[in-house]
N, C-alpha and C. Protein backbone atom coordinates (compact mmCIF):
# COMPACT_ATOMS: atom_id res chain seq x y z
N MET A 1 121.40 119.69 126.13
CA MET A 1 120.19 119.31 126.87
C MET A 1 120.11 120.09 128.18
N GLU A 2 118.92 120.59 128.46
CA GLU A 2 118.72 121.35 129.70
C GLU A 2 118.81 120.42 130.91
N LYS A 3 119.39 120.96 132.00
CA LYS A 3 119.41 120.16 133.23
C LYS A 3 119.09 121.06 134.42
N LYS A 4 118.39 120.48 135.39
CA LYS A 4 117.96 121.25 136.56
C LYS A 4 118.35 120.48 137.82
N LEU A 5 119.07 121.16 138.72
CA LEU A 5 119.51 120.52 139.97
C LEU A 5 118.29 120.17 140.82
N VAL A 6 118.18 118.88 141.19
CA VAL A 6 117.04 118.46 142.02
C VAL A 6 117.49 117.95 143.40
N TYR A 7 118.78 117.59 143.52
CA TYR A 7 119.22 117.03 144.80
C TYR A 7 120.74 117.18 144.92
N THR A 8 121.19 117.66 146.07
CA THR A 8 122.62 117.74 146.34
C THR A 8 122.96 116.66 147.36
N GLY A 9 123.71 115.65 146.91
CA GLY A 9 124.06 114.53 147.78
C GLY A 9 125.45 114.67 148.36
N LYS A 10 125.82 113.69 149.20
CA LYS A 10 127.15 113.73 149.83
C LYS A 10 128.26 113.55 148.81
N THR A 11 128.05 112.61 147.88
CA THR A 11 129.11 112.31 146.92
C THR A 11 128.67 112.51 145.47
N LYS A 12 127.38 112.87 145.27
CA LYS A 12 126.87 113.11 143.91
C LYS A 12 125.77 114.17 143.95
N ASN A 13 125.68 114.95 142.88
CA ASN A 13 124.54 115.83 142.68
C ASN A 13 123.65 115.23 141.60
N VAL A 14 122.34 115.46 141.71
CA VAL A 14 121.38 114.87 140.77
C VAL A 14 120.65 115.99 140.03
N TYR A 15 120.62 115.87 138.71
CA TYR A 15 119.95 116.85 137.85
C TYR A 15 118.85 116.17 137.04
N ALA A 16 117.73 116.87 136.84
CA ALA A 16 116.67 116.38 135.97
C ALA A 16 116.96 116.84 134.55
N LEU A 17 116.85 115.93 133.59
CA LEU A 17 117.06 116.26 132.17
C LEU A 17 115.71 116.41 131.48
N ASP A 18 115.70 117.16 130.40
CA ASP A 18 114.40 117.39 129.74
C ASP A 18 113.92 116.18 128.92
N ASN A 19 114.72 115.12 128.84
CA ASN A 19 114.24 113.90 128.17
C ASN A 19 113.59 112.92 129.15
N GLY A 20 113.45 113.35 130.42
CA GLY A 20 112.81 112.51 131.43
C GLY A 20 113.79 111.69 132.25
N ASN A 21 115.05 111.63 131.82
CA ASN A 21 116.07 110.91 132.59
C ASN A 21 116.73 111.85 133.59
N TYR A 22 117.71 111.32 134.32
CA TYR A 22 118.44 112.13 135.31
C TYR A 22 119.94 112.05 135.03
N LEU A 23 120.64 113.05 135.51
CA LEU A 23 122.09 113.11 135.35
C LEU A 23 122.72 113.12 136.74
N LEU A 24 123.65 112.17 136.98
CA LEU A 24 124.39 112.13 138.25
C LEU A 24 125.76 112.74 138.02
N LYS A 25 126.09 113.74 138.82
CA LYS A 25 127.41 114.37 138.75
C LYS A 25 128.24 113.85 139.93
N PHE A 26 129.29 113.09 139.63
CA PHE A 26 130.13 112.51 140.68
C PHE A 26 131.09 113.57 141.21
N LYS A 27 131.20 113.64 142.55
CA LYS A 27 132.05 114.65 143.18
C LYS A 27 133.29 113.99 143.81
N ASP A 28 134.26 114.81 144.16
CA ASP A 28 135.48 114.31 144.82
C ASP A 28 135.33 114.27 146.34
N ASP A 29 134.11 114.55 146.83
CA ASP A 29 133.88 114.47 148.27
C ASP A 29 133.68 113.02 148.69
N CYS A 30 134.25 112.64 149.83
CA CYS A 30 134.15 111.27 150.33
C CYS A 30 133.58 111.27 151.73
N THR A 31 132.90 110.18 152.06
CA THR A 31 132.45 110.03 153.45
C THR A 31 133.64 109.64 154.32
N GLY A 32 133.62 110.10 155.55
CA GLY A 32 134.72 109.81 156.46
C GLY A 32 134.58 110.63 157.72
N LYS A 33 135.63 110.58 158.53
CA LYS A 33 135.61 111.29 159.80
C LYS A 33 137.01 111.79 160.09
N ASP A 34 137.11 113.05 160.50
CA ASP A 34 138.39 113.65 160.87
C ASP A 34 139.45 113.48 159.76
N GLY A 35 139.01 113.64 158.52
CA GLY A 35 139.96 113.59 157.41
C GLY A 35 140.38 112.20 156.98
N VAL A 36 139.72 111.15 157.56
CA VAL A 36 140.07 109.77 157.20
C VAL A 36 138.89 109.15 156.42
N PHE A 37 139.19 108.61 155.26
CA PHE A 37 138.17 108.01 154.39
C PHE A 37 137.55 106.78 155.06
N ASP A 38 136.20 106.73 155.07
CA ASP A 38 135.49 105.57 155.62
C ASP A 38 134.16 105.45 154.89
N PRO A 39 134.02 104.41 154.02
CA PRO A 39 132.77 104.26 153.26
C PRO A 39 131.55 104.06 154.14
N GLY A 40 131.76 103.63 155.40
CA GLY A 40 130.63 103.39 156.31
C GLY A 40 130.13 104.63 157.01
N GLU A 41 130.90 105.72 156.93
CA GLU A 41 130.49 106.96 157.60
C GLU A 41 129.33 107.62 156.85
N ASN A 42 128.57 108.45 157.57
CA ASN A 42 127.38 109.05 156.98
C ASN A 42 127.54 110.53 156.65
N SER A 43 128.75 111.07 156.84
CA SER A 43 128.97 112.48 156.51
C SER A 43 130.24 112.63 155.68
N VAL A 44 130.31 113.72 154.94
CA VAL A 44 131.50 113.99 154.13
C VAL A 44 132.64 114.37 155.07
N GLY A 45 133.75 113.65 154.96
CA GLY A 45 134.86 113.90 155.86
C GLY A 45 136.08 114.48 155.18
N LEU A 46 136.15 114.32 153.85
CA LEU A 46 137.33 114.81 153.13
C LEU A 46 137.05 114.84 151.63
N THR A 47 137.93 115.53 150.93
CA THR A 47 137.88 115.58 149.47
C THR A 47 139.16 114.96 148.93
N ILE A 48 139.02 113.97 148.05
CA ILE A 48 140.18 113.33 147.44
C ILE A 48 140.13 113.61 145.95
N ASP A 49 141.15 114.28 145.45
CA ASP A 49 141.19 114.66 144.04
C ASP A 49 141.10 113.42 143.15
N GLY A 50 140.12 113.40 142.25
CA GLY A 50 140.00 112.31 141.29
C GLY A 50 139.13 111.15 141.72
N VAL A 51 138.61 111.19 142.95
CA VAL A 51 137.83 110.04 143.43
C VAL A 51 136.49 109.96 142.68
N GLY A 52 135.91 111.10 142.33
CA GLY A 52 134.66 111.09 141.57
C GLY A 52 134.86 110.42 140.21
N ASP A 53 135.99 110.74 139.58
CA ASP A 53 136.31 110.17 138.27
C ASP A 53 136.46 108.66 138.35
N VAL A 54 137.21 108.18 139.34
CA VAL A 54 137.47 106.74 139.43
C VAL A 54 136.20 105.98 139.85
N ASN A 55 135.35 106.59 140.69
CA ASN A 55 134.08 105.95 141.07
C ASN A 55 133.16 105.83 139.86
N LEU A 56 133.15 106.87 139.02
CA LEU A 56 132.33 106.82 137.81
C LEU A 56 132.87 105.77 136.85
N ARG A 57 134.19 105.72 136.66
CA ARG A 57 134.78 104.75 135.73
C ARG A 57 134.46 103.31 136.14
N MET A 58 134.58 103.02 137.44
CA MET A 58 134.28 101.67 137.91
C MET A 58 132.80 101.36 137.75
N SER A 59 131.94 102.35 138.05
CA SER A 59 130.50 102.16 137.90
C SER A 59 130.13 101.87 136.46
N VAL A 60 130.68 102.65 135.54
CA VAL A 60 130.40 102.45 134.11
C VAL A 60 130.85 101.05 133.67
N TYR A 61 132.04 100.67 134.09
CA TYR A 61 132.60 99.36 133.74
C TYR A 61 131.64 98.24 134.15
N PHE A 62 131.17 98.29 135.40
CA PHE A 62 130.30 97.21 135.89
C PHE A 62 128.87 97.34 135.36
N PHE A 63 128.32 98.55 135.28
CA PHE A 63 126.97 98.70 134.76
C PHE A 63 126.87 98.15 133.33
N GLU A 64 127.89 98.40 132.51
CA GLU A 64 127.87 97.90 131.13
C GLU A 64 127.90 96.37 131.12
N LYS A 65 128.69 95.78 132.01
CA LYS A 65 128.75 94.30 132.12
C LYS A 65 127.40 93.74 132.58
N ILE A 66 126.80 94.40 133.57
CA ILE A 66 125.54 93.91 134.15
C ILE A 66 124.40 94.06 133.15
N ASN A 67 124.35 95.19 132.46
CA ASN A 67 123.34 95.36 131.41
C ASN A 67 123.49 94.29 130.33
N ALA A 68 124.75 94.01 129.95
CA ALA A 68 125.02 93.01 128.91
C ALA A 68 124.58 91.61 129.36
N ALA A 69 124.58 91.39 130.68
CA ALA A 69 124.14 90.09 131.22
C ALA A 69 122.62 90.01 131.33
N GLY A 70 121.92 91.08 130.89
CA GLY A 70 120.46 91.06 130.88
C GLY A 70 119.81 91.40 132.22
N ILE A 71 120.60 92.02 133.10
CA ILE A 71 120.07 92.43 134.41
C ILE A 71 119.73 93.91 134.34
N LYS A 72 118.56 94.27 134.81
CA LYS A 72 118.06 95.64 134.65
C LYS A 72 118.78 96.62 135.59
N THR A 73 119.32 97.71 135.03
CA THR A 73 119.92 98.78 135.83
C THR A 73 119.39 100.12 135.34
N HIS A 74 119.75 101.19 136.07
CA HIS A 74 119.31 102.52 135.65
C HIS A 74 120.30 103.19 134.70
N TYR A 75 121.40 102.51 134.39
CA TYR A 75 122.48 103.12 133.59
C TYR A 75 122.08 103.31 132.12
N VAL A 76 122.31 104.51 131.62
CA VAL A 76 122.06 104.81 130.20
C VAL A 76 123.39 105.08 129.48
N SER A 77 124.14 106.06 129.98
CA SER A 77 125.42 106.42 129.35
C SER A 77 126.22 107.26 130.33
N ALA A 78 127.47 107.55 129.95
CA ALA A 78 128.31 108.37 130.84
C ALA A 78 129.17 109.30 130.01
N ASN A 79 129.56 110.42 130.62
CA ASN A 79 130.52 111.34 130.02
C ASN A 79 131.67 111.47 131.01
N LEU A 80 132.78 110.77 130.71
CA LEU A 80 133.90 110.76 131.64
C LEU A 80 134.58 112.12 131.74
N ASP A 81 134.44 112.95 130.67
CA ASP A 81 135.10 114.26 130.67
C ASP A 81 134.52 115.19 131.73
N ASP A 82 133.20 115.09 131.95
CA ASP A 82 132.62 115.97 132.98
C ASP A 82 132.08 115.17 134.17
N THR A 83 132.51 113.92 134.30
CA THR A 83 132.20 113.06 135.46
C THR A 83 130.70 112.95 135.71
N THR A 84 129.96 112.67 134.64
CA THR A 84 128.50 112.54 134.77
C THR A 84 128.02 111.22 134.18
N MET A 85 126.89 110.76 134.71
CA MET A 85 126.25 109.52 134.23
C MET A 85 124.77 109.79 134.06
N GLU A 86 124.24 109.47 132.88
CA GLU A 86 122.80 109.60 132.63
C GLU A 86 122.12 108.31 133.05
N VAL A 87 121.02 108.46 133.80
CA VAL A 87 120.33 107.28 134.32
C VAL A 87 118.82 107.40 134.10
N LEU A 88 118.16 106.25 134.09
CA LEU A 88 116.70 106.20 133.98
C LEU A 88 116.07 106.62 135.31
N PRO A 89 114.85 107.16 135.26
CA PRO A 89 114.18 107.50 136.52
C PRO A 89 113.83 106.23 137.29
N ALA A 90 113.98 106.28 138.60
CA ALA A 90 113.63 105.13 139.46
C ALA A 90 113.17 105.64 140.81
N LYS A 91 112.24 104.92 141.39
CA LYS A 91 111.81 105.22 142.76
C LYS A 91 112.60 104.32 143.71
N VAL A 92 112.97 104.86 144.87
CA VAL A 92 113.66 104.02 145.86
C VAL A 92 112.62 103.30 146.70
N PHE A 93 113.03 102.21 147.32
CA PHE A 93 112.14 101.47 148.21
C PHE A 93 112.10 102.16 149.57
N GLY A 94 110.89 102.51 150.00
CA GLY A 94 110.73 103.22 151.27
C GLY A 94 111.48 104.54 151.23
N LYS A 95 112.27 104.79 152.27
CA LYS A 95 113.09 106.01 152.32
C LYS A 95 114.55 105.68 152.00
N GLY A 96 114.74 104.53 151.37
CA GLY A 96 116.09 104.09 151.00
C GLY A 96 116.45 102.80 151.70
N LEU A 97 116.96 101.85 150.90
CA LEU A 97 117.27 100.52 151.40
C LEU A 97 118.65 100.14 150.90
N GLU A 98 119.47 99.58 151.77
CA GLU A 98 120.77 99.07 151.33
C GLU A 98 120.70 97.55 151.31
N VAL A 99 121.25 96.98 150.26
CA VAL A 99 121.23 95.52 150.07
C VAL A 99 122.68 95.05 150.08
N ILE A 100 123.01 94.15 151.00
CA ILE A 100 124.39 93.69 151.14
C ILE A 100 124.46 92.21 150.78
N CYS A 101 125.44 91.85 149.96
CA CYS A 101 125.69 90.44 149.66
C CYS A 101 127.04 90.09 150.30
N ARG A 102 127.04 89.02 151.10
CA ARG A 102 128.23 88.67 151.88
C ARG A 102 128.78 87.30 151.48
N HIS A 103 130.07 87.27 151.14
CA HIS A 103 130.76 86.02 150.86
C HIS A 103 131.56 85.54 152.07
N LYS A 104 131.86 86.48 152.99
CA LYS A 104 132.66 86.15 154.18
C LYS A 104 132.04 86.82 155.40
N ALA A 105 132.23 86.17 156.56
CA ALA A 105 131.69 86.71 157.82
C ALA A 105 132.65 87.76 158.39
N VAL A 106 132.42 89.00 158.04
CA VAL A 106 133.23 90.11 158.57
C VAL A 106 132.32 91.30 158.89
N GLY A 107 132.91 92.34 159.46
CA GLY A 107 132.18 93.58 159.71
C GLY A 107 131.01 93.39 160.64
N SER A 108 129.90 94.07 160.34
CA SER A 108 128.73 94.04 161.24
C SER A 108 128.13 92.65 161.34
N PHE A 109 128.24 91.85 160.26
CA PHE A 109 127.70 90.49 160.31
C PHE A 109 128.42 89.68 161.39
N PHE A 110 129.74 89.75 161.40
CA PHE A 110 130.50 89.00 162.40
C PHE A 110 130.23 89.53 163.80
N ARG A 111 130.11 90.86 163.93
CA ARG A 111 129.85 91.43 165.26
C ARG A 111 128.52 90.92 165.81
N ARG A 112 127.53 90.78 164.94
CA ARG A 112 126.21 90.31 165.37
C ARG A 112 126.21 88.83 165.72
N TYR A 113 126.92 88.03 164.92
CA TYR A 113 126.74 86.57 165.00
C TYR A 113 128.02 85.83 165.40
N SER A 114 128.93 86.51 166.09
CA SER A 114 130.22 85.91 166.43
C SER A 114 130.10 84.69 167.36
N ASP A 115 128.95 84.52 168.01
CA ASP A 115 128.73 83.32 168.84
C ASP A 115 128.59 82.07 167.98
N TYR A 116 128.31 82.29 166.69
CA TYR A 116 127.95 81.16 165.82
C TYR A 116 128.91 80.93 164.66
N ILE A 117 129.84 81.85 164.44
CA ILE A 117 130.69 81.74 163.25
C ILE A 117 132.05 82.38 163.52
N GLU A 118 133.05 81.87 162.84
CA GLU A 118 134.39 82.45 162.97
C GLU A 118 134.54 83.61 162.00
N GLU A 119 135.36 84.58 162.38
CA GLU A 119 135.59 85.73 161.51
C GLU A 119 136.26 85.26 160.22
N GLY A 120 135.72 85.75 159.08
CA GLY A 120 136.30 85.40 157.78
C GLY A 120 135.78 84.10 157.20
N ALA A 121 134.88 83.41 157.93
CA ALA A 121 134.33 82.14 157.42
C ALA A 121 133.50 82.41 156.16
N ASP A 122 133.42 81.40 155.29
CA ASP A 122 132.66 81.53 154.04
C ASP A 122 131.16 81.62 154.32
N LEU A 123 130.49 82.42 153.52
CA LEU A 123 129.03 82.52 153.56
C LEU A 123 128.49 82.24 152.15
N PRO A 124 127.30 81.66 152.06
CA PRO A 124 126.75 81.25 150.76
C PRO A 124 125.98 82.37 150.05
N GLU A 125 126.70 83.40 149.57
CA GLU A 125 126.03 84.52 148.87
C GLU A 125 124.86 85.05 149.71
N TYR A 126 125.15 85.29 150.99
CA TYR A 126 124.13 85.70 151.96
C TYR A 126 123.70 87.15 151.69
N VAL A 127 122.41 87.36 151.50
CA VAL A 127 121.87 88.69 151.21
C VAL A 127 121.09 89.20 152.42
N GLU A 128 121.37 90.43 152.83
CA GLU A 128 120.58 91.05 153.90
C GLU A 128 120.27 92.49 153.51
N MET A 129 119.21 93.02 154.08
CA MET A 129 118.77 94.37 153.76
C MET A 129 118.66 95.22 155.02
N THR A 130 119.04 96.49 154.89
CA THR A 130 118.94 97.42 156.00
C THR A 130 118.29 98.72 155.51
N PHE A 131 117.50 99.33 156.37
CA PHE A 131 116.95 100.65 156.04
C PHE A 131 118.04 101.69 156.20
N LYS A 132 118.10 102.63 155.28
CA LYS A 132 119.06 103.73 155.39
C LYS A 132 118.52 104.72 156.43
N ASN A 133 119.05 104.65 157.62
CA ASN A 133 118.62 105.55 158.69
C ASN A 133 119.77 105.70 159.67
N ASP A 134 120.51 106.80 159.53
CA ASP A 134 121.70 107.03 160.36
C ASP A 134 121.36 107.01 161.85
N ALA A 135 120.27 107.69 162.22
CA ALA A 135 119.92 107.84 163.63
C ALA A 135 119.61 106.50 164.28
N LYS A 136 119.08 105.56 163.49
CA LYS A 136 118.71 104.25 164.05
C LYS A 136 119.76 103.18 163.73
N GLY A 137 120.90 103.61 163.19
CA GLY A 137 121.99 102.65 162.94
C GLY A 137 121.69 101.68 161.81
N ASP A 138 120.96 102.15 160.77
CA ASP A 138 120.65 101.31 159.61
C ASP A 138 120.09 99.94 160.01
N PRO A 139 118.87 99.91 160.57
CA PRO A 139 118.34 98.64 161.10
C PRO A 139 118.12 97.57 160.03
N LEU A 140 118.45 96.33 160.39
CA LEU A 140 118.17 95.18 159.53
C LEU A 140 116.67 95.01 159.38
N VAL A 141 116.24 94.50 158.20
CA VAL A 141 114.82 94.24 158.02
C VAL A 141 114.66 92.94 157.21
N THR A 142 113.67 92.14 157.59
CA THR A 142 113.42 90.86 156.94
C THR A 142 112.47 91.03 155.76
N LYS A 143 112.35 89.97 154.96
CA LYS A 143 111.39 89.96 153.85
C LYS A 143 109.98 90.23 154.37
N GLU A 144 109.61 89.51 155.43
CA GLU A 144 108.25 89.67 155.99
C GLU A 144 108.03 91.09 156.49
N GLY A 145 109.09 91.68 157.08
CA GLY A 145 108.99 93.05 157.56
C GLY A 145 108.77 94.04 156.42
N LEU A 146 109.51 93.86 155.34
CA LEU A 146 109.39 94.76 154.18
C LEU A 146 107.99 94.67 153.57
N ILE A 147 107.44 93.46 153.53
CA ILE A 147 106.09 93.28 152.97
C ILE A 147 105.05 93.87 153.92
N ALA A 148 105.17 93.59 155.22
CA ALA A 148 104.22 94.08 156.22
C ALA A 148 104.21 95.62 156.26
N LEU A 149 105.38 96.22 156.04
CA LEU A 149 105.48 97.69 156.08
C LEU A 149 105.07 98.34 154.76
N GLY A 150 104.76 97.52 153.76
CA GLY A 150 104.33 98.05 152.47
C GLY A 150 105.46 98.64 151.65
N VAL A 151 106.70 98.26 151.98
CA VAL A 151 107.86 98.81 151.25
C VAL A 151 108.02 98.13 149.90
N MET A 152 107.74 96.82 149.85
CA MET A 152 107.84 96.10 148.57
C MET A 152 106.98 94.85 148.62
N THR A 153 106.79 94.25 147.43
CA THR A 153 106.03 93.01 147.33
C THR A 153 106.98 91.82 147.50
N SER A 154 106.39 90.66 147.71
CA SER A 154 107.17 89.43 147.83
C SER A 154 107.98 89.19 146.55
N GLN A 155 107.36 89.45 145.40
CA GLN A 155 108.03 89.25 144.11
C GLN A 155 109.22 90.20 143.95
N GLN A 156 109.03 91.46 144.34
CA GLN A 156 110.13 92.44 144.25
C GLN A 156 111.30 92.01 145.14
N TYR A 157 110.99 91.50 146.32
CA TYR A 157 112.04 91.03 147.23
C TYR A 157 112.81 89.87 146.60
N ASP A 158 112.07 88.89 146.08
CA ASP A 158 112.73 87.71 145.48
C ASP A 158 113.58 88.12 144.28
N ASP A 159 113.04 89.03 143.47
CA ASP A 159 113.80 89.52 142.30
C ASP A 159 115.09 90.21 142.75
N MET A 160 114.97 91.01 143.80
CA MET A 160 116.13 91.78 144.29
C MET A 160 117.23 90.85 144.80
N VAL A 161 116.84 89.81 145.53
CA VAL A 161 117.83 88.85 146.05
C VAL A 161 118.53 88.14 144.88
N ALA A 162 117.73 87.67 143.92
CA ALA A 162 118.32 86.95 142.77
C ALA A 162 119.26 87.87 141.98
N MET A 163 118.84 89.11 141.76
CA MET A 163 119.67 90.08 141.02
C MET A 163 120.95 90.39 141.80
N THR A 164 120.81 90.56 143.11
CA THR A 164 121.98 90.85 143.96
C THR A 164 123.01 89.75 143.84
N GLN A 165 122.57 88.50 143.90
CA GLN A 165 123.51 87.38 143.83
C GLN A 165 124.18 87.29 142.45
N LYS A 166 123.41 87.53 141.40
CA LYS A 166 123.98 87.49 140.04
C LYS A 166 125.01 88.61 139.85
N ILE A 167 124.67 89.82 140.30
CA ILE A 167 125.57 90.98 140.15
C ILE A 167 126.84 90.77 140.97
N THR A 168 126.66 90.25 142.18
CA THR A 168 127.82 90.00 143.04
C THR A 168 128.77 89.01 142.39
N ARG A 169 128.21 87.99 141.72
CA ARG A 169 129.04 87.00 141.01
C ARG A 169 129.86 87.67 139.91
N ILE A 170 129.22 88.58 139.18
CA ILE A 170 129.92 89.29 138.10
C ILE A 170 131.09 90.09 138.67
N VAL A 171 130.83 90.83 139.75
CA VAL A 171 131.88 91.66 140.37
C VAL A 171 132.99 90.78 140.94
N ALA A 172 132.59 89.73 141.68
CA ALA A 172 133.57 88.85 142.34
C ALA A 172 134.46 88.15 141.32
N ASP A 173 133.86 87.66 140.23
CA ASP A 173 134.64 86.96 139.20
C ASP A 173 135.65 87.90 138.56
N ASP A 174 135.23 89.13 138.34
CA ASP A 174 136.11 90.13 137.73
C ASP A 174 137.29 90.44 138.64
N LEU A 175 137.01 90.63 139.92
CA LEU A 175 138.07 90.92 140.89
C LEU A 175 139.02 89.73 141.03
N LYS A 176 138.44 88.52 140.98
CA LYS A 176 139.25 87.30 141.12
C LYS A 176 140.32 87.21 140.03
N GLU A 177 139.96 87.63 138.82
CA GLU A 177 140.92 87.63 137.71
C GLU A 177 142.10 88.55 137.99
N LYS A 178 141.88 89.52 138.86
CA LYS A 178 142.95 90.47 139.22
C LYS A 178 143.63 90.06 140.54
N GLY A 179 143.35 88.85 141.02
CA GLY A 179 143.97 88.38 142.26
C GLY A 179 143.36 88.97 143.51
N LEU A 180 142.12 89.47 143.39
CA LEU A 180 141.44 90.12 144.51
C LEU A 180 140.23 89.30 144.95
N VAL A 181 139.96 89.31 146.25
CA VAL A 181 138.85 88.50 146.79
C VAL A 181 137.78 89.43 147.38
N LEU A 182 136.55 89.30 146.86
CA LEU A 182 135.43 90.09 147.37
C LEU A 182 134.85 89.44 148.62
N TYR A 183 134.83 90.20 149.74
CA TYR A 183 134.24 89.69 150.98
C TYR A 183 132.77 90.06 151.08
N ASP A 184 132.45 91.32 150.76
CA ASP A 184 131.05 91.73 150.73
C ASP A 184 130.90 92.98 149.88
N ILE A 185 129.67 93.26 149.50
CA ILE A 185 129.40 94.41 148.62
C ILE A 185 128.01 94.94 148.92
N LYS A 186 127.86 96.24 148.77
CA LYS A 186 126.60 96.92 149.11
C LYS A 186 126.00 97.52 147.84
N PHE A 187 124.71 97.32 147.64
CA PHE A 187 124.00 97.85 146.47
C PHE A 187 122.79 98.67 146.90
N GLU A 188 122.27 99.43 145.93
CA GLU A 188 120.96 100.06 146.10
C GLU A 188 120.11 99.71 144.90
N PHE A 189 118.85 99.45 145.16
CA PHE A 189 117.90 99.14 144.09
C PHE A 189 116.74 100.12 144.14
N GLY A 190 116.10 100.26 142.99
CA GLY A 190 114.88 101.04 142.90
C GLY A 190 113.92 100.28 142.00
N TYR A 191 112.85 100.96 141.59
CA TYR A 191 111.92 100.29 140.67
C TYR A 191 111.36 101.31 139.68
N ASP A 192 110.98 100.81 138.49
CA ASP A 192 110.47 101.70 137.44
C ASP A 192 108.96 101.88 137.58
N ALA A 193 108.37 102.55 136.61
CA ALA A 193 106.93 102.86 136.67
C ALA A 193 106.07 101.61 136.71
N ASP A 194 106.59 100.48 136.20
CA ASP A 194 105.84 99.22 136.20
C ASP A 194 106.14 98.37 137.44
N GLY A 195 106.95 98.91 138.36
CA GLY A 195 107.28 98.16 139.57
C GLY A 195 108.42 97.18 139.40
N LYS A 196 109.07 97.21 138.22
CA LYS A 196 110.19 96.29 137.97
C LYS A 196 111.44 96.78 138.70
N VAL A 197 112.12 95.85 139.37
CA VAL A 197 113.31 96.18 140.16
C VAL A 197 114.50 96.47 139.25
N MET A 198 115.28 97.50 139.61
CA MET A 198 116.51 97.78 138.86
C MET A 198 117.61 98.24 139.81
N LEU A 199 118.84 97.93 139.42
CA LEU A 199 120.00 98.37 140.19
C LEU A 199 120.22 99.86 139.95
N ILE A 200 120.43 100.63 141.03
CA ILE A 200 120.63 102.08 140.89
C ILE A 200 121.91 102.50 141.61
N ASP A 201 122.13 103.79 141.69
CA ASP A 201 123.26 104.41 142.38
C ASP A 201 124.57 104.12 141.66
N GLU A 202 125.57 103.53 142.35
CA GLU A 202 126.88 103.31 141.75
C GLU A 202 127.43 101.96 142.18
N ILE A 203 128.47 101.49 141.49
CA ILE A 203 129.20 100.29 141.91
C ILE A 203 130.66 100.72 141.96
N ALA A 204 131.08 101.21 143.11
CA ALA A 204 132.43 101.75 143.24
C ALA A 204 133.18 101.05 144.36
N SER A 205 134.47 101.30 144.43
CA SER A 205 135.32 100.60 145.40
C SER A 205 134.89 100.87 146.85
N GLY A 206 134.28 102.03 147.10
CA GLY A 206 133.84 102.37 148.45
C GLY A 206 132.65 101.55 148.92
N ASN A 207 132.02 100.80 148.00
CA ASN A 207 130.84 100.00 148.35
C ASN A 207 131.18 98.53 148.56
N MET A 208 132.47 98.18 148.47
CA MET A 208 132.83 96.76 148.59
C MET A 208 134.01 96.58 149.52
N ARG A 209 134.06 95.39 150.14
CA ARG A 209 135.19 95.05 151.00
C ARG A 209 135.99 93.99 150.25
N VAL A 210 137.24 94.33 149.93
CA VAL A 210 138.06 93.47 149.08
C VAL A 210 139.41 93.20 149.75
N TYR A 211 139.88 91.96 149.61
CA TYR A 211 141.15 91.55 150.21
C TYR A 211 142.10 91.00 149.12
N LYS A 212 143.38 91.15 149.37
CA LYS A 212 144.40 90.56 148.50
C LYS A 212 145.43 89.89 149.40
N ASP A 213 145.68 88.59 149.18
CA ASP A 213 146.62 87.82 150.01
C ASP A 213 146.29 87.97 151.50
N GLY A 214 144.99 87.96 151.83
CA GLY A 214 144.56 88.03 153.22
C GLY A 214 144.58 89.41 153.84
N GLN A 215 144.99 90.42 153.05
CA GLN A 215 145.07 91.79 153.57
C GLN A 215 143.94 92.65 152.98
N TYR A 216 143.30 93.44 153.83
CA TYR A 216 142.24 94.35 153.38
C TYR A 216 142.83 95.43 152.48
N ILE A 217 142.14 95.70 151.37
CA ILE A 217 142.57 96.75 150.43
C ILE A 217 141.65 97.95 150.59
N ASP A 218 142.19 99.11 150.96
CA ASP A 218 141.32 100.28 151.12
C ASP A 218 140.79 100.72 149.75
N PRO A 219 139.63 101.40 149.72
CA PRO A 219 138.99 101.72 148.44
C PRO A 219 139.86 102.48 147.44
N MET A 220 140.65 103.45 147.89
CA MET A 220 141.47 104.21 146.94
C MET A 220 142.54 103.31 146.31
N THR A 221 143.16 102.45 147.12
CA THR A 221 144.15 101.51 146.59
C THR A 221 143.47 100.52 145.65
N LEU A 222 142.27 100.08 146.01
CA LEU A 222 141.53 99.13 145.17
C LEU A 222 141.26 99.72 143.79
N SER A 223 140.84 100.99 143.77
CA SER A 223 140.58 101.64 142.48
C SER A 223 141.84 101.66 141.62
N LYS A 224 142.98 101.95 142.24
CA LYS A 224 144.24 101.98 141.49
C LYS A 224 144.60 100.60 140.96
N LEU A 225 144.45 99.56 141.81
CA LEU A 225 144.74 98.19 141.39
C LEU A 225 143.80 97.75 140.28
N PHE A 226 142.56 98.15 140.39
CA PHE A 226 141.52 97.73 139.43
C PHE A 226 141.84 98.22 138.03
N PHE A 227 142.32 99.47 137.94
CA PHE A 227 142.58 100.05 136.62
C PHE A 227 144.05 100.02 136.24
N ALA A 228 144.85 99.25 136.99
CA ALA A 228 146.30 99.17 136.71
C ALA A 228 146.54 98.46 135.38
């Protein structure tokens, strides 16, 4: 099948296929700073041999589970030999939106609301959305804001929250079986030609904050534990 490069990303390249779908090529480049891996950083800081492979494997594992649960995603198939994933076409919301589901008060959530909550306190599948904008520090946005700005409809927002909570449950339950506790996880969603919301991008260790016996597990260690 013919493929044409349409976008070079930090951790993935995107190709258009002649069947109307797209091909994501996972790379070994990681976001970070000064040679230290950091999923929150906005630039490529280092290359870790095999990270593209393990990110694809984890994504495939979860996308297949999520599809089987009847939740719409962009996942079609994958070729582990050449670290690629075929996906359905999807439009992103606005110029890109990150959706975070939080089970524990840590990270930026705790920094914002530490007057009201203790670090590590339980949260009830709390969903928040931020615009992807490095220069503005990924600003938080409310449902009303997203509707007023014309980024999405009320129905799309409600669908996205419900899907986020269901997907987070699938991931958290799976990690729990391995003795791991999910604190929070970050997703990206898009929509198809009919405006239906679908999960896009990847579900990899770099997108989640996971603890074991009260200790934070860095993404590379998490990937190893996950497939042990």
